[in-house]
């Protein structure tokens, strides 16, 4: 799972670099393609970055638990970060699910009143 997340993050950075190139900016089709792709993976990348940051804080706080002055504060932060990791893990799993091909299609919904009722 983390290899895929690293690949997605790398692609996100590549897209950001491509969007800064004059050739892509001048081509409307390429620009739209890359901005759409970036928008599709942006939430996943941001969630993964939060996940990694929380993991780093957990490692730092594990070391601080041995310090008598900072023990209580480190334990509180460890609990908060562990809870955050659980939430972010489930969110990442949801974001990694394949997209439905019909998600991009537009829908027109028309609602009409029924005959003879007092709606």
Protein backbone atom coordinates (compact mmCIF):
# COMPACT_ATOMS: atom_id res chain seq x y z
CA UNK A 1 0.00 0.00 0.00
CA UNK A 2 2.79 2.44 0.90
CA UNK A 3 4.65 1.79 -2.34
CA UNK A 4 1.54 2.80 -4.25
CA UNK A 5 1.15 5.90 -2.08
CA UNK A 6 4.77 6.86 -2.71
CA UNK A 7 4.21 6.39 -6.45
CA UNK A 8 1.09 8.57 -6.33
CA UNK A 9 2.95 11.27 -4.41
CA UNK A 10 5.79 11.16 -6.95
CA UNK A 11 3.29 11.50 -9.79
CA UNK A 12 1.67 14.44 -7.99
CA UNK A 13 5.01 16.23 -7.82
CA UNK A 14 5.67 15.45 -11.50
CA UNK A 15 2.31 16.92 -12.46
CA UNK A 16 3.04 20.06 -10.44
CA UNK A 17 6.32 20.47 -12.30
CA UNK A 18 4.63 19.86 -15.66
CA UNK A 19 2.00 22.49 -14.91
CA UNK A 20 4.78 25.06 -14.53
CA UNK A 21 6.20 24.40 -17.99
CA UNK A 22 5.35 26.92 -20.68
CA UNK A 23 4.63 24.18 -23.25
CA UNK A 24 1.88 22.70 -21.07
CA UNK A 25 0.46 26.09 -20.16
CA UNK A 26 0.13 26.98 -23.85
CA UNK A 27 -1.65 23.71 -24.67
CA UNK A 28 -5.18 23.86 -23.30
CA UNK A 29 -5.75 20.11 -23.70
CA UNK A 30 -2.61 19.12 -21.81
CA UNK A 31 -3.21 21.71 -19.13
CA UNK A 32 -6.76 20.47 -18.52
CA UNK A 33 -5.59 16.86 -18.51
CA UNK A 34 -2.89 17.49 -15.92
CA UNK A 35 -5.04 19.71 -13.68
CA UNK A 36 -7.77 17.06 -13.65
CA UNK A 37 -5.29 14.32 -12.82
CA UNK A 38 -3.80 16.46 -10.04
CA UNK A 39 -7.25 17.17 -8.62
CA UNK A 40 -8.06 13.44 -8.64
CA UNK A 41 -5.06 12.54 -6.49
CA UNK A 42 -4.64 15.71 -4.41
CA UNK A 43 -6.76 14.56 -1.47
CA UNK A 44 -4.98 11.21 -1.34
CA UNK A 45 -1.56 12.86 -1.38
CA UNK A 46 -2.49 15.35 1.35
CA UNK A 47 -3.93 12.58 3.52
CA UNK A 48 -0.80 10.49 3.04
CA UNK A 49 1.39 13.44 4.00
CA UNK A 50 -0.64 13.93 7.19
CA UNK A 51 -0.26 10.20 7.89
CA UNK A 52 3.52 10.36 7.52
CA UNK A 53 3.74 13.47 9.71
CA UNK A 54 1.70 11.76 12.43
CA UNK A 55 3.99 8.71 12.24
CA UNK A 56 7.03 10.94 12.64
CA UNK A 57 5.48 12.63 15.67
CA UNK A 58 4.76 9.22 17.19
CA UNK A 59 8.42 8.21 16.81
CA UNK A 60 9.56 11.49 18.38
CA UNK A 61 7.14 11.15 21.27
CA UNK A 62 8.21 7.57 21.94
CA UNK A 63 11.65 8.95 22.72
CA UNK A 64 10.21 11.72 24.91
CA UNK A 65 8.26 9.25 27.06
CA UNK A 66 11.54 8.38 28.78
CA UNK A 67 12.02 12.02 29.85
CA UNK A 68 10.38 12.48 33.29
CA UNK A 69 9.48 16.13 32.65
CA UNK A 70 7.78 15.54 29.32
CA UNK A 71 6.32 12.09 29.95
CA UNK A 72 2.68 13.17 30.44
CA UNK A 73 2.65 15.51 27.47
CA UNK A 74 4.30 12.90 25.25
CA UNK A 75 1.75 10.26 26.29
CA UNK A 76 -1.15 12.59 25.46
CA UNK A 77 0.31 13.41 22.07
CA UNK A 78 0.98 9.72 21.41
CA UNK A 79 -2.66 8.89 22.08
CA UNK A 80 -3.88 11.72 19.84
CA UNK A 81 -1.53 10.76 17.02
CA UNK A 82 -2.43 7.07 17.24
CA UNK A 83 -6.09 7.97 16.98
CA UNK A 84 -5.30 10.24 14.03
CA UNK A 85 -3.34 7.42 12.35
CA UNK A 86 -6.37 5.13 12.61
CA UNK A 87 -8.63 7.75 11.02
CA UNK A 88 -6.15 8.55 8.26
CA UNK A 89 -5.59 4.87 7.50
CA UNK A 90 -9.29 4.28 6.90
CA UNK A 91 -9.52 7.45 4.82
CA UNK A 92 -6.53 6.38 2.72
CA UNK A 93 -8.10 2.97 2.13
CA UNK A 94 -11.27 4.66 0.89
CA UNK A 95 -9.34 7.00 -1.37
CA UNK A 96 -7.40 4.09 -2.86
CA UNK A 97 -10.56 2.35 -4.01
CA UNK A 98 -10.91 2.41 -7.81
CA UNK A 99 -13.11 5.15 -9.18
CA UNK A 100 -16.37 4.31 -10.92
CA UNK A 101 -16.10 5.09 -14.65
CA UNK A 102 -19.55 6.67 -14.52
CA UNK A 103 -18.46 9.26 -11.92
CA UNK A 104 -17.37 11.66 -14.64
CA UNK A 105 -20.66 11.59 -16.50
CA UNK A 106 -23.29 14.26 -16.08
CA UNK A 107 -26.80 13.45 -14.94
CA UNK A 108 -30.01 15.32 -15.52
CA UNK A 109 -32.75 14.56 -13.03
CA UNK A 110 -36.23 15.83 -13.71
CA UNK A 111 -38.93 15.73 -11.03
CA UNK A 112 -42.53 16.20 -12.05
CA UNK A 113 -45.64 16.47 -9.97
CA UNK A 114 -47.94 13.46 -9.95
CA UNK A 115 -51.52 13.65 -11.20
CA UNK A 116 -54.38 14.07 -8.72
CA UNK A 117 -52.41 14.44 -5.49
CA UNK A 118 -51.88 17.26 -3.07
CA UNK A 119 -48.13 17.15 -2.76
